Amino acid sequence: MFATSLNGAGANEVGIGTKVAASRAVLASNITSTNNALDVAVNGNGFYRMSNNGVVTYSRNGQFHLDRRASW
């Protein structure tokens, strides 16, 4: 995100802008039962580590499903 120049000196000048001062992970949540046998939950601090063609990501969303491309 950015704001244009406050003094209006030029159409392409970037002005004051914004930045994140801090971030905080909220890890508390309620655990509820579902009818999906692949749904799992993290209790406490932790994340699921996932890999998609070598690209590693992390999530706390435990709603998993089988990949249609899986050959098992």
PDB file of N, CA and C in Angstrom:
ATOM      1  N   MET A   1       0.837  -1.169   0.000  1.00  0.00           N
ATOM      2  CA  MET A   1       0.000   0.000   0.000  1.00  0.00           C
ATOM      3  C   MET A   1       0.882   1.231   0.000  1.00  0.00           C
ATOM      4  N   PHE A   2       0.458   2.239  -0.663  1.00  0.00           N
ATOM      5  CA  PHE A   2       1.191   3.498  -0.623  1.00  0.00           C
ATOM      6  C   PHE A   2       0.234   4.648  -0.879  1.00  0.00           C
ATOM      7  N   ALA A   3       0.657   5.809  -0.452  1.00  0.00           N
ATOM      8  CA  ALA A   3      -0.130   7.026  -0.671  1.00  0.00           C
ATOM      9  C   ALA A   3       0.633   7.914  -1.637  1.00  0.00           C
ATOM     10  N   THR A   4      -0.062   8.644  -2.471  1.00  0.00           N
ATOM     11  CA  THR A   4       0.629   9.565  -3.376  1.00  0.00           C
ATOM     12  C   THR A   4       1.172  10.740  -2.588  1.00  0.00           C
ATOM     13  N   SER A   5       2.067  11.476  -3.186  1.00  0.00           N
ATOM     14  CA  SER A   5       2.738  12.589  -2.526  1.00  0.00           C
ATOM     15  C   SER A   5       1.728  13.587  -1.962  1.00  0.00           C
ATOM     16  N   LEU A   6       1.977  14.023  -0.740  1.00  0.00           N
ATOM     17  CA  LEU A   6       1.070  14.970  -0.095  1.00  0.00           C
ATOM     18  C   LEU A   6       1.126  16.354  -0.734  1.00  0.00           C
ATOM     19  N   ASN A   7       2.291  16.713  -1.294  1.00  0.00           N
ATOM     20  CA  ASN A   7       2.399  18.049  -1.863  1.00  0.00           C
ATOM     21  C   ASN A   7       1.968  18.104  -3.327  1.00  0.00           C
ATOM     22  N   GLY A   8       1.615  16.951  -3.913  1.00  0.00           N
ATOM     23  CA  GLY A   8       1.126  16.915  -5.284  1.00  0.00           C
ATOM     24  C   GLY A   8       2.166  17.315  -6.310  1.00  0.00           C
ATOM     25  N   ALA A   9       3.450  17.087  -6.039  1.00  0.00           N
ATOM     26  CA  ALA A   9       4.525  17.529  -6.927  1.00  0.00           C
ATOM     27  C   ALA A   9       4.525  16.788  -8.255  1.00  0.00           C
ATOM     28  N   GLY A  10       4.100  15.544  -8.246  1.00  0.00           N
ATOM     29  CA  GLY A  10       4.116  14.785  -9.495  1.00  0.00           C
ATOM     30  C   GLY A  10       3.180  13.601  -9.417  1.00  0.00           C
ATOM     31  N   ALA A  11       2.694  13.190 -10.546  1.00  0.00           N
ATOM     32  CA  ALA A  11       1.722  12.092 -10.572  1.00  0.00           C
ATOM     33  C   ALA A  11       2.352  10.755 -10.213  1.00  0.00           C
ATOM     34  N   ASN A  12       3.657  10.592 -10.457  1.00  0.00           N
ATOM     35  CA  ASN A  12       4.308   9.305 -10.233  1.00  0.00           C
ATOM     36  C   ASN A  12       5.086   9.231  -8.928  1.00  0.00           C
ATOM     37  N   GLU A  13       5.071  10.267  -8.123  1.00  0.00           N
ATOM     38  CA  GLU A  13       5.826  10.246  -6.877  1.00  0.00           C
ATOM     39  C   GLU A  13       5.086   9.450  -5.808  1.00  0.00           C
ATOM     40  N   VAL A  14       5.838   8.668  -5.076  1.00  0.00           N
ATOM     41  CA  VAL A  14       5.279   7.887  -3.975  1.00  0.00           C
ATOM     42  C   VAL A  14       5.470   8.693  -2.704  1.00  0.00           C
ATOM     43  N   GLY A  15       4.439   8.732  -1.873  1.00  0.00           N
ATOM     44  CA  GLY A  15       4.486   9.577  -0.688  1.00  0.00           C
ATOM     45  C   GLY A  15       4.808   8.850   0.584  1.00  0.00           C
ATOM     46  N   ILE A  16       4.026   9.099   1.604  1.00  0.00           N
ATOM     47  CA  ILE A  16       4.346   8.676   2.954  1.00  0.00           C
ATOM     48  C   ILE A  16       4.278   7.164   3.161  1.00  0.00           C
ATOM     49  N   GLY A  17       3.402   6.465   2.518  1.00  0.00           N
ATOM     50  CA  GLY A  17       3.328   5.010   2.595  1.00  0.00           C
ATOM     51  C   GLY A  17       2.901   4.470   3.940  1.00  0.00           C
ATOM     52  N   THR A  18       2.948   3.147   4.066  1.00  0.00           N
ATOM     53  CA  THR A  18       2.592   2.465   5.309  1.00  0.00           C
ATOM     54  C   THR A  18       3.552   1.311   5.529  1.00  0.00           C
ATOM     55  N   LYS A  19       3.605   0.825   6.759  1.00  0.00           N
ATOM     56  CA  LYS A  19       4.368  -0.382   7.060  1.00  0.00           C
ATOM     57  C   LYS A  19       3.774  -1.039   8.298  1.00  0.00           C
ATOM     58  N   VAL A  20       4.044  -2.305   8.467  1.00  0.00           N
ATOM     59  CA  VAL A  20       3.564  -3.064   9.619  1.00  0.00           C
ATOM     60  C   VAL A  20       4.512  -2.798  10.779  1.00  0.00           C
ATOM     61  N   ALA A  21       3.983  -2.336  11.894  1.00  0.00           N
ATOM     62  CA  ALA A  21       4.806  -2.059  13.063  1.00  0.00           C
ATOM     63  C   ALA A  21       5.129  -3.342  13.830  1.00  0.00           C
ATOM     64  N   ALA A  22       4.171  -4.262  13.878  1.00  0.00           N
ATOM     65  CA  ALA A  22       4.370  -5.522  14.589  1.00  0.00           C
ATOM     66  C   ALA A  22       3.290  -6.502  14.163  1.00  0.00           C
ATOM     67  N   SER A  23       3.533  -7.771  14.410  1.00  0.00           N
ATOM     68  CA  SER A  23       2.507  -8.787  14.164  1.00  0.00           C
ATOM     69  C   SER A  23       2.517  -9.766  15.327  1.00  0.00           C
ATOM     70  N   ARG A  24       1.397 -10.405  15.537  1.00  0.00           N
ATOM     71  CA  ARG A  24       1.273 -11.350  16.641  1.00  0.00           C
ATOM     72  C   ARG A  24       0.380 -12.487  16.200  1.00  0.00           C
ATOM     73  N   ALA A  25       0.836 -13.696  16.363  1.00  0.00           N
ATOM     74  CA  ALA A  25       0.034 -14.867  16.023  1.00  0.00           C
ATOM     75  C   ALA A  25      -0.918 -15.174  17.165  1.00  0.00           C
ATOM     76  N   VAL A  26      -2.169 -15.381  16.840  1.00  0.00           N
ATOM     77  CA  VAL A  26      -3.161 -15.781  17.830  1.00  0.00           C
ATOM     78  C   VAL A  26      -3.361 -17.280  17.648  1.00  0.00           C
ATOM     79  N   LEU A  27      -2.834 -18.068  18.604  1.00  0.00           N
ATOM     80  CA  LEU A  27      -2.843 -19.517  18.460  1.00  0.00           C
ATOM     81  C   LEU A  27      -3.960 -20.182  19.250  1.00  0.00           C
ATOM     82  N   ALA A  28      -4.761 -19.420  19.952  1.00  0.00           N
ATOM     83  CA  ALA A  28      -5.848 -19.998  20.734  1.00  0.00           C
ATOM     84  C   ALA A  28      -7.082 -20.169  19.847  1.00  0.00           C
ATOM     85  N   SER A  29      -7.693 -21.328  19.924  1.00  0.00           N
ATOM     86  CA  SER A  29      -8.923 -21.573  19.169  1.00  0.00           C
ATOM     87  C   SER A  29      -9.679 -22.716  19.820  1.00  0.00           C
ATOM     88  N   ASN A  30     -10.934 -22.846  19.470  1.00  0.00           N
ATOM     89  CA  ASN A  30     -11.754 -23.934  19.979  1.00  0.00           C
ATOM     90  C   ASN A  30     -11.627 -25.135  19.066  1.00  0.00           C
ATOM     91  N   ILE A  31     -11.505 -26.309  19.632  1.00  0.00           N
ATOM     92  CA  ILE A  31     -11.444 -27.546  18.862  1.00  0.00           C
ATOM     93  C   ILE A  31     -12.834 -28.162  18.862  1.00  0.00           C
ATOM     94  N   THR A  32     -13.350 -28.428  17.671  1.00  0.00           N
ATOM     95  CA  THR A  32     -14.674 -29.028  17.527  1.00  0.00           C
ATOM     96  C   THR A  32     -14.589 -30.280  16.673  1.00  0.00           C
ATOM     97  N   SER A  33     -15.515 -31.190  16.867  1.00  0.00           N
ATOM     98  CA  SER A  33     -15.574 -32.430  16.096  1.00  0.00           C
ATOM     99  C   SER A  33     -16.238 -32.193  14.747  1.00  0.00           C
ATOM    100  N   THR A  34     -15.795 -32.959  13.749  1.00  0.00           N
ATOM    101  CA  THR A  34     -16.397 -32.921  12.421  1.00  0.00           C
ATOM    102  C   THR A  34     -16.675 -34.345  11.956  1.00  0.00           C
ATOM    103  N   ASN A  35     -17.281 -34.476  10.818  1.00  0.00           N
ATOM    104  CA  ASN A  35     -17.543 -35.802  10.239  1.00  0.00           C
ATOM    105  C   ASN A  35     -16.480 -36.206   9.227  1.00  0.00           C
ATOM    106  N   ASN A  36     -15.428 -35.399   9.081  1.00  0.00           N
ATOM    107  CA  ASN A  36     -14.362 -35.710   8.131  1.00  0.00           C
ATOM    108  C   ASN A  36     -13.234 -36.418   8.872  1.00  0.00           C
ATOM    109  N   ALA A  37     -12.935 -37.645   8.476  1.00  0.00           N
ATOM    110  CA  ALA A  37     -11.887 -38.424   9.137  1.00  0.00           C
ATOM    111  C   ALA A  37     -10.499 -37.817   8.952  1.00  0.00           C
ATOM    112  N   LEU A  38     -10.333 -36.919   7.986  1.00  0.00           N
ATOM    113  CA  LEU A  38      -9.029 -36.302   7.738  1.00  0.00           C
ATOM    114  C   LEU A  38      -8.857 -34.966   8.448  1.00  0.00           C
ATOM    115  N   ASP A  39      -9.854 -34.492   9.173  1.00  0.00           N
ATOM    116  CA  ASP A  39      -9.729 -33.254   9.941  1.00  0.00           C
ATOM    117  C   ASP A  39      -8.950 -33.524  11.220  1.00  0.00           C
ATOM    118  N   VAL A  40      -7.936 -32.719  11.467  1.00  0.00           N
ATOM    119  CA  VAL A  40      -7.128 -32.841  12.679  1.00  0.00           C
ATOM    120  C   VAL A  40      -6.949 -31.455  13.276  1.00  0.00           C
ATOM    121  N   ALA A  41      -6.522 -31.393  14.533  1.00  0.00           N
ATOM    122  CA  ALA A  41      -6.395 -30.100  15.214  1.00  0.00           C
ATOM    123  C   ALA A  41      -5.056 -30.009  15.929  1.00  0.00           C
ATOM    124  N   VAL A  42      -4.553 -28.788  16.037  1.00  0.00           N
ATOM    125  CA  VAL A  42      -3.348 -28.499  16.812  1.00  0.00           C
ATOM    126  C   VAL A  42      -3.815 -27.931  18.143  1.00  0.00           C
ATOM    127  N   ASN A  43      -3.350 -28.523  19.232  1.00  0.00           N
ATOM    128  CA  ASN A  43      -3.675 -28.027  20.557  1.00  0.00           C
ATOM    129  C   ASN A  43      -2.412 -27.382  21.113  1.00  0.00           C
ATOM    130  N   GLY A  44      -2.398 -26.062  21.211  1.00  0.00           N
ATOM    131  CA  GLY A  44      -1.218 -25.355  21.690  1.00  0.00           C
ATOM    132  C   GLY A  44      -0.434 -24.753  20.545  1.00  0.00           C
ATOM    133  N   ASN A  45       0.853 -24.510  20.788  1.00  0.00           N
ATOM    134  CA  ASN A  45       1.705 -23.911  19.761  1.00  0.00           C
ATOM    135  C   ASN A  45       2.086 -24.968  18.732  1.00  0.00           C
ATOM    136  N   GLY A  46       2.010 -24.624  17.489  1.00  0.00           N
ATOM    137  CA  GLY A  46       2.422 -25.547  16.443  1.00  0.00           C
ATOM    138  C   GLY A  46       1.717 -25.263  15.135  1.00  0.00           C
ATOM    139  N   PHE A  47       2.265 -25.817  14.062  1.00  0.00           N
ATOM    140  CA  PHE A  47       1.728 -25.632  12.721  1.00  0.00           C
ATOM    141  C   PHE A  47       1.858 -26.928  11.954  1.00  0.00           C
ATOM    142  N   TYR A  48       1.076 -27.092  10.923  1.00  0.00           N
ATOM    143  CA  TYR A  48       1.226 -28.180   9.975  1.00  0.00           C
ATOM    144  C   TYR A  48       2.203 -27.713   8.907  1.00  0.00           C
ATOM    145  N   ARG A  49       3.181 -28.546   8.588  1.00  0.00           N
ATOM    146  CA  ARG A  49       4.144 -28.222   7.525  1.00  0.00           C
ATOM    147  C   ARG A  49       3.679 -28.940   6.274  1.00  0.00           C
ATOM    148  N   MET A  50       3.463 -28.195   5.214  1.00  0.00           N
ATOM    149  CA  MET A  50       2.968 -28.764   3.970  1.00  0.00           C
ATOM    150  C   MET A  50       3.944 -28.460   2.847  1.00  0.00           C
ATOM    151  N   SER A  51       3.974 -29.348   1.861  1.00  0.00           N
ATOM    152  CA  SER A  51       4.842 -29.165   0.709  1.00  0.00           C
ATOM    153  C   SER A  51       4.023 -29.374  -0.553  1.00  0.00           C
ATOM    154  N   ASN A  52       4.100 -28.414  -1.473  1.00  0.00           N
ATOM    155  CA  ASN A  52       3.415 -28.508  -2.754  1.00  0.00           C
ATOM    156  C   ASN A  52       4.468 -28.363  -3.837  1.00  0.00           C
ATOM    157  N   ASN A  53       4.883 -29.496  -4.405  1.00  0.00           N
ATOM    158  CA  ASN A  53       5.962 -29.510  -5.409  1.00  0.00           C
ATOM    159  C   ASN A  53       7.216 -28.821  -4.892  1.00  0.00           C
ATOM    160  N   GLY A  54       7.560 -29.071  -3.621  1.00  0.00           N
ATOM    161  CA  GLY A  54       8.776 -28.522  -3.040  1.00  0.00           C
ATOM    162  C   GLY A  54       8.622 -27.163  -2.382  1.00  0.00           C
ATOM    163  N   VAL A  55       7.471 -26.498  -2.558  1.00  0.00           N
ATOM    164  CA  VAL A  55       7.228 -25.209  -1.916  1.00  0.00           C
ATOM    165  C   VAL A  55       6.625 -25.486  -0.541  1.00  0.00           C
ATOM    166  N   VAL A  56       7.349 -25.137   0.519  1.00  0.00           N
ATOM    167  CA  VAL A  56       6.924 -25.425   1.882  1.00  0.00           C
ATOM    168  C   VAL A  56       6.093 -24.261   2.419  1.00  0.00           C
ATOM    169  N   THR A  57       4.941 -24.590   2.997  1.00  0.00           N
ATOM    170  CA  THR A  57       4.098 -23.610   3.672  1.00  0.00           C
ATOM    171  C   THR A  57       3.700 -24.166   5.028  1.00  0.00           C
ATOM    172  N   TYR A  58       3.196 -23.293   5.888  1.00  0.00           N
ATOM    173  CA  TYR A  58       2.762 -23.691   7.219  1.00  0.00           C
ATOM    174  C   TYR A  58       1.337 -23.205   7.442  1.00  0.00           C
ATOM    175  N   SER A  59       0.548 -23.997   8.165  1.00  0.00           N
ATOM    176  CA  SER A  59      -0.841 -23.634   8.419  1.00  0.00           C
ATOM    177  C   SER A  59      -1.293 -24.233   9.734  1.00  0.00           C
ATOM    178  N   ARG A  60      -2.315 -23.646  10.296  1.00  0.00           N
ATOM    179  CA  ARG A  60      -2.984 -24.242  11.456  1.00  0.00           C
ATOM    180  C   ARG A  60      -4.342 -24.812  11.062  1.00  0.00           C
ATOM    181  N   ASN A  61      -4.722 -24.663   9.806  1.00  0.00           N
ATOM    182  CA  ASN A  61      -5.986 -25.199   9.317  1.00  0.00           C
ATOM    183  C   ASN A  61      -5.835 -26.699   9.111  1.00  0.00           C
ATOM    184  N   GLY A  62      -6.535 -27.492   9.889  1.00  0.00           N
ATOM    185  CA  GLY A  62      -6.417 -28.943   9.826  1.00  0.00           C
ATOM    186  C   GLY A  62      -7.500 -29.613   9.012  1.00  0.00           C
ATOM    187  N   GLN A  63      -8.113 -28.895   8.080  1.00  0.00           N
ATOM    188  CA  GLN A  63      -9.140 -29.487   7.216  1.00  0.00           C
ATOM    189  C   GLN A  63      -8.461 -30.055   5.977  1.00  0.00           C
ATOM    190  N   PHE A  64      -8.032 -31.306   6.083  1.00  0.00           N
ATOM    191  CA  PHE A  64      -7.298 -31.939   4.997  1.00  0.00           C
ATOM    192  C   PHE A  64      -8.216 -32.804   4.141  1.00  0.00           C
ATOM    193  N   HIS A  65      -7.775 -33.066   2.924  1.00  0.00           N
ATOM    194  CA  HIS A  65      -8.510 -33.938   2.005  1.00  0.00           C
ATOM    195  C   HIS A  65      -7.499 -34.644   1.119  1.00  0.00           C
ATOM    196  N   LEU A  66      -7.940 -35.724   0.481  1.00  0.00           N
ATOM    197  CA  LEU A  66      -7.061 -36.444  -0.428  1.00  0.00           C
ATOM    198  C   LEU A  66      -6.927 -35.684  -1.732  1.00  0.00           C
ATOM    199  N   ASP A  67      -5.731 -35.680  -2.252  1.00  0.00           N
ATOM    200  CA  ASP A  67      -5.456 -35.039  -3.528  1.00  0.00           C
ATOM    201  C   ASP A  67      -5.998 -35.941  -4.637  1.00  0.00           C
ATOM    202  N   ARG A  68      -6.749 -35.399  -5.554  1.00  0.00           N
ATOM    203  CA  ARG A  68      -7.321 -36.192  -6.644  1.00  0.00           C
ATOM    204  C   ARG A  68      -6.242 -36.777  -7.537  1.00  0.00           C
ATOM    205  N   ARG A  69      -5.051 -36.147  -7.529  1.00  0.00           N
ATOM    206  CA  ARG A  69      -3.943 -36.641  -8.349  1.00  0.00           C
ATOM    207  C   ARG A  69      -3.156 -37.738  -7.642  1.00  0.00           C
ATOM    208  N   ALA A  70      -3.451 -38.027  -6.395  1.00  0.00           N
ATOM    209  CA  ALA A  70      -2.690 -39.019  -5.641  1.00  0.00           C
ATOM    210  C   ALA A  70      -2.819 -40.399  -6.296  1.00  0.00           C
ATOM    211  N   SER A  71      -1.735 -41.134  -6.327  1.00  0.00           N
ATOM    212  CA  SER A  71      -1.751 -42.447  -6.982  1.00  0.00           C
ATOM    213  C   SER A  71      -1.562 -43.571  -5.962  1.00  0.00           C
ATOM    214  N   TRP A  72      -2.137 -43.438  -4.815  1.00  0.00           N
ATOM    215  CA  TRP A  72      -2.039 -44.469  -3.798  1.00  0.00           C
ATOM    216  C   TRP A  72      -3.362 -44.956  -3.512  1.00  0.00           C
TER     217      TRP A  72
END
